[in-house]
C-alpha atoms as a PDB file:
ATOM      1  CA  MET A   1      -0.262  -0.205  -0.104  1.00  0.00           C
ATOM      2  CA  ARG A   2       1.180   3.437  -1.065  1.00  0.00           C
ATOM      3  CA  THR A   3       0.965   6.442   1.236  1.00  0.00           C
ATOM      4  CA  LYS A   4       1.314   9.918   0.346  1.00  0.00           C
ATOM      5  CA  LYS A   5       2.838  12.614   2.680  1.00  0.00           C
ATOM      6  CA  ARG A   6       2.335  16.165   2.135  1.00  0.00           C
ATOM      7  CA  LEU A   7       5.283  18.634   2.542  1.00  0.00           C
ATOM      8  CA  ALA A   8       4.679  22.051   3.758  1.00  0.00           C
ATOM      9  CA  GLY A   9       6.144  25.038   2.498  1.00  0.00           C
ATOM     10  CA  GLU A  10       6.688  25.969  -1.483  1.00  0.00           C
ATOM     11  CA  SER A  11       7.921  23.444  -4.147  1.00  0.00           C
ATOM     12  CA  LEU A  12      11.249  23.348  -5.272  1.00  0.00           C
ATOM     13  CA  THR A  13      10.158  21.419  -8.528  1.00  0.00           C
ATOM     14  CA  GLN A  14      10.715  23.705 -11.673  1.00  0.00           C
ATOM     15  CA  GLN A  15       7.413  22.843 -13.687  1.00  0.00           C
ATOM     16  CA  GLN A  16       9.175  24.606 -16.656  1.00  0.00           C
ATOM     17  CA  PHE A  17      11.379  21.579 -17.246  1.00  0.00           C
ATOM     18  CA  ALA A  18       8.335  19.256 -17.231  1.00  0.00           C
ATOM     19  CA  ASP A  19       8.122  18.741 -20.912  1.00  0.00           C
ATOM     20  CA  SER A  20      11.628  18.200 -21.885  1.00  0.00           C
ATOM     21  CA  CYS A  21      11.929  15.728 -18.875  1.00  0.00           C
ATOM     22  CA  ASN A  22       8.985  13.674 -19.704  1.00  0.00           C
ATOM     23  CA  ILE A  23      10.025  10.220 -21.101  1.00  0.00           C
ATOM     24  CA  ASN A  24       7.291  10.094 -23.434  1.00  0.00           C
ATOM     25  CA  ASN A  25       8.589  13.375 -25.220  1.00  0.00           C
ATOM     26  CA  ILE A  26      11.978  12.258 -25.270  1.00  0.00           C
ATOM     27  CA  VAL A  27      11.141   8.640 -26.948  1.00  0.00           C
ATOM     28  CA  SER A  28       8.925  10.833 -29.506  1.00  0.00           C
ATOM     29  CA  ASP A  29      11.917  13.427 -30.306  1.00  0.00           C
ATOM     30  CA  PHE A  30      14.434  10.369 -30.835  1.00  0.00           C
ATOM     31  CA  ASN A  31      11.875   8.658 -33.264  1.00  0.00           C
ATOM     32  CA  ARG A  32      11.516  11.723 -34.975  1.00  0.00           C
ATOM     33  CA  THR A  33      15.124  12.961 -35.240  1.00  0.00           C
ATOM     34  CA  GLY A  34      17.333   9.934 -34.204  1.00  0.00           C
ATOM     35  CA  ARG A  35      19.117  11.725 -31.438  1.00  0.00           C
ATOM     36  CA  VAL A  36      19.020  11.651 -27.753  1.00  0.00           C
ATOM     37  CA  PRO A  37      19.198  14.917 -26.013  1.00  0.00           C
ATOM     38  CA  ILE A  38      22.713  15.088 -24.323  1.00  0.00           C
ATOM     39  CA  HIS A  39      23.518  17.522 -21.612  1.00  0.00           C
ATOM     40  CA  LYS A  40      27.003  19.480 -23.151  1.00  0.00           C
ATOM     41  CA  GLY A  41      28.274  20.225 -19.878  1.00  0.00           C
ATOM     42  CA  GLU A  42      28.526  22.910 -17.102  1.00  0.00           C
ATOM     43  CA  ALA A  43      26.842  26.109 -17.584  1.00  0.00           C
ATOM     44  CA  LYS A  44      29.495  29.199 -17.626  1.00  0.00           C
ATOM     45  CA  TYR A  45      28.522  32.138 -15.689  1.00  0.00           C
ATOM     46  CA  GLY A  46      30.136  35.692 -15.829  1.00  0.00           C
ATOM     47  CA  ASP A  47      30.808  38.955 -17.482  1.00  0.00           C
ATOM     48  CA  PHE A  48      31.541  38.295 -20.819  1.00  0.00           C
ATOM     49  CA  SER A  49      30.641  41.871 -22.445  1.00  0.00           C
ATOM     50  CA  GLU A  50      34.148  42.616 -23.376  1.00  0.00           C
ATOM     51  CA  VAL A  51      34.411  39.480 -25.300  1.00  0.00           C
ATOM     52  CA  GLY A  52      33.380  41.033 -28.649  1.00  0.00           C
ATOM     53  CA  THR A  53      31.622  39.210 -31.281  1.00  0.00           C
ATOM     54  CA  PHE A  54      32.498  35.623 -32.896  1.00  0.00           C
ATOM     55  CA  GLN A  55      33.971  37.565 -36.115  1.00  0.00           C
ATOM     56  CA  GLU A  56      36.138  39.693 -33.852  1.00  0.00           C
ATOM     57  CA  SER A  57      37.527  36.671 -31.918  1.00  0.00           C
ATOM     58  CA  LEU A  58      38.204  34.912 -35.469  1.00  0.00           C
ATOM     59  CA  GLU A  59      39.898  38.211 -36.614  1.00  0.00           C
ATOM     60  CA  ARG A  60      42.082  38.705 -33.528  1.00  0.00           C
ATOM     61  CA  VAL A  61      43.300  34.724 -33.637  1.00  0.00           C
ATOM     62  CA  GLU A  62      44.128  35.347 -37.376  1.00  0.00           C
ATOM     63  CA  ALA A  63      46.175  38.357 -36.576  1.00  0.00           C
ATOM     64  CA  ILE A  64      47.998  36.417 -33.747  1.00  0.00           C
ATOM     65  CA  LYS A  65      48.916  33.791 -36.401  1.00  0.00           C
ATOM     66  CA  LYS A  66      49.933  36.413 -38.877  1.00  0.00           C
ATOM     67  CA  ASP A  67      52.047  38.102 -36.369  1.00  0.00           C
ATOM     68  CA  PHE A  68      53.667  34.894 -35.230  1.00  0.00           C
ATOM     69  CA  ARG A  69      54.366  34.037 -38.763  1.00  0.00           C
ATOM     70  CA  SER A  70      56.094  37.380 -39.276  1.00  0.00           C
ATOM     71  CA  LEU A  71      58.543  36.532 -36.355  1.00  0.00           C
ATOM     72  CA  PRO A  72      62.108  35.353 -37.209  1.00  0.00           C
ATOM     73  CA  ALA A  73      62.472  31.264 -37.549  1.00  0.00           C
ATOM     74  CA  LYS A  74      64.656  31.167 -34.488  1.00  0.00           C
ATOM     75  CA  ILE A  75      61.893  32.642 -32.245  1.00  0.00           C
ATOM     76  CA  ARG A  76      58.971  30.540 -34.126  1.00  0.00           C
ATOM     77  CA  ASP A  77      61.410  27.363 -33.207  1.00  0.00           C
ATOM     78  CA  VAL A  78      61.403  28.408 -29.346  1.00  0.00           C
ATOM     79  CA  PHE A  79      57.637  28.064 -29.597  1.00  0.00           C
ATOM     80  CA  LYS A  80      57.665  24.665 -31.679  1.00  0.00           C
ATOM     81  CA  ASN A  81      55.980  26.888 -34.384  1.00  0.00           C
ATOM     82  CA  ASN A  82      52.861  26.995 -32.402  1.00  0.00           C
ATOM     83  CA  PRO A  83      51.255  30.717 -31.820  1.00  0.00           C
ATOM     84  CA  ASP A  84      49.239  29.215 -29.040  1.00  0.00           C
ATOM     85  CA  ASN A  85      52.508  28.225 -27.098  1.00  0.00           C
ATOM     86  CA  MET A  86      53.676  31.607 -27.507  1.00  0.00           C
ATOM     87  CA  VAL A  87      50.377  33.279 -26.305  1.00  0.00           C
ATOM     88  CA  GLN A  88      50.621  30.983 -23.087  1.00  0.00           C
ATOM     89  CA  PHE A  89      54.124  31.723 -22.637  1.00  0.00           C
ATOM     90  CA  MET A  90      53.441  35.686 -22.878  1.00  0.00           C
ATOM     91  CA  ASP A  91      50.403  35.325 -20.601  1.00  0.00           C
ATOM     92  CA  ASN A  92      52.702  34.201 -17.671  1.00  0.00           C
ATOM     93  CA  PRO A  93      54.472  37.178 -16.007  1.00  0.00           C
ATOM     94  CA  GLU A  94      57.256  34.819 -15.009  1.00  0.00           C
ATOM     95  CA  ASN A  95      58.328  34.744 -18.550  1.00  0.00           C
ATOM     96  CA  ASN A  96      58.814  38.514 -19.044  1.00  0.00           C
ATOM     97  CA  GLU A  97      62.730  38.532 -18.746  1.00  0.00           C
ATOM     98  CA  LYS A  98      62.929  35.801 -21.313  1.00  0.00           C
ATOM     99  CA  ALA A  99      60.251  37.489 -23.587  1.00  0.00           C
ATOM    100  CA  ILE A 100      62.632  40.723 -23.251  1.00  0.00           C
ATOM    101  CA  GLU A 101      65.818  38.729 -23.977  1.00  0.00           C
ATOM    102  CA  LEU A 102      63.985  37.096 -27.326  1.00  0.00           C
ATOM    103  CA  GLY A 103      63.074  40.762 -28.351  1.00  0.00           C
ATOM    104  CA  LEU A 104      59.360  39.920 -27.820  1.00  0.00           C
ATOM    105  CA  TYR A 105      58.610  43.359 -26.074  1.00  0.00           C
ATOM    106  CA  GLY A 106      60.603  45.533 -28.460  1.00  0.00           C
ATOM    107  CA  ASN A 107      62.873  48.125 -26.874  1.00  0.00           C
ATOM    108  CA  VAL A 108      61.686  47.886 -23.412  1.00  0.00           C
ATOM    109  CA  GLU A 109      64.150  48.780 -20.579  1.00  0.00           C
ATOM    110  CA  LYS A 110      64.751  46.376 -17.792  1.00  0.00           C
ATOM    111  CA  LYS A 111      63.157  47.924 -14.646  1.00  0.00           C
ATOM    112  CA  LYS A 112      65.762  49.554 -12.611  1.00  0.00           C
ATOM    113  CA  THR A 113      66.248  48.895  -8.821  1.00  0.00           C
ATOM    114  CA  PRO A 114      65.843  51.941  -6.552  1.00  0.00           C
ATOM    115  CA  ALA A 115      69.720  51.976  -6.073  1.00  0.00           C
ATOM    116  CA  GLU A 116      70.226  52.130  -9.851  1.00  0.00           C
ATOM    117  CA  GLN A 117      67.542  54.777 -10.293  1.00  0.00           C
ATOM    118  CA  ILE A 118      69.280  56.699  -7.388  1.00  0.00           C
ATOM    119  CA  LYS A 119      72.750  56.387  -9.280  1.00  0.00           C
ATOM    120  CA  GLU A 120      71.268  57.473 -12.243  1.00  0.00           C
ATOM    121  CA  GLN A 121      69.649  60.501 -10.887  1.00  0.00           C
ATOM    122  CA  SER A 122      72.940  61.322  -9.194  1.00  0.00           C
ATOM    123  CA  ASP A 123      74.821  61.061 -12.487  1.00  0.00           C
ATOM    124  CA  LYS A 124      72.647  63.568 -13.951  1.00  0.00           C
ATOM    125  CA  LEU A 125      72.818  65.880 -11.259  1.00  0.00           C
ATOM    126  CA  GLU A 126      76.689  65.656 -11.476  1.00  0.00           C
ATOM    127  CA  LYS A 127      76.617  66.338 -14.993  1.00  0.00           C
ATOM    128  CA  LYS A 128      74.219  69.365 -14.605  1.00  0.00           C
ATOM    129  CA  LYS A 129      76.630  70.710 -11.723  1.00  0.00           C
ATOM    130  CA  ASP A 130      79.779  70.337 -14.192  1.00  0.00           C
ATOM    131  CA  GLN A 131      77.744  72.211 -16.773  1.00  0.00           C
ATOM    132  CA  LEU A 132      76.735  74.997 -14.451  1.00  0.00           C
ATOM    133  CA  ASN A 133      80.535  75.348 -13.125  1.00  0.00           C
ATOM    134  CA  LYS A 134      81.763  75.564 -16.800  1.00  0.00           C
ATOM    135  CA  GLU A 135      79.240  78.178 -17.483  1.00  0.00           C
ATOM    136  CA  ILE A 136      80.271  80.372 -14.395  1.00  0.00           C
ATOM    137  CA  ALA A 137      83.827  79.892 -15.452  1.00  0.00           C
ATOM    138  CA  ASP A 138      83.176  80.925 -19.006  1.00  0.00           C
ATOM    139  CA  PHE A 139      81.147  84.013 -17.808  1.00  0.00           C
ATOM    140  CA  GLU A 140      84.059  84.777 -15.166  1.00  0.00           C
ATOM    141  CA  LYS A 141      86.404  84.904 -18.191  1.00  0.00           C
ATOM    142  CA  THR A 142      84.630  87.181 -20.183  1.00  0.00           C
ATOM    143  CA  LYS A 143      83.558  89.517 -17.237  1.00  0.00           C
ATOM    144  CA  ASP A 144      87.541  89.715 -16.372  1.00  0.00           C
ATOM    145  CA  GLY A 145      88.343  90.005 -19.891  1.00  0.00           C
ATOM    146  CA  ASN A 146      86.045  92.826 -20.651  1.00  0.00           C
ATOM    147  CA  PRO A 147      87.915  96.173 -20.127  1.00  0.00           C
ATOM    148  CA  SER A 148      84.551  98.173 -19.908  1.00  0.00           C
ATOM    149  CA  LYS A 149      83.651  96.602 -16.450  1.00  0.00           C
END
């Protein structure tokens, strides 16, 4: 004998899926199309507003491939002639030094340490001081050599 139990509160059953879950409808669809509905994986959620259109994505991929093909053969060999390997390499910040060595960042200066920055500023100030001292000496010579003063 079967007994029914009434649960209190609102039902959690989502009735909008009733038709797609009905076995009679599934078999009917299979008979008509020859295909069984397959769950294609987990849903992805996020802000994809910056992604752009499918066409824009294809154009970006083609641009990357074109840029990769324009690199010297030695550099392409480093990445086994695969632009995807290069993109993954460039995405990793730990590879920045190696990318600079390979010339992938163009003419990028290596970031200086604070000590190097201080030394550079000190050298600039020293040059400026020497230039000013030379100008003062030249001025003194003209002043002393001028009989009108």
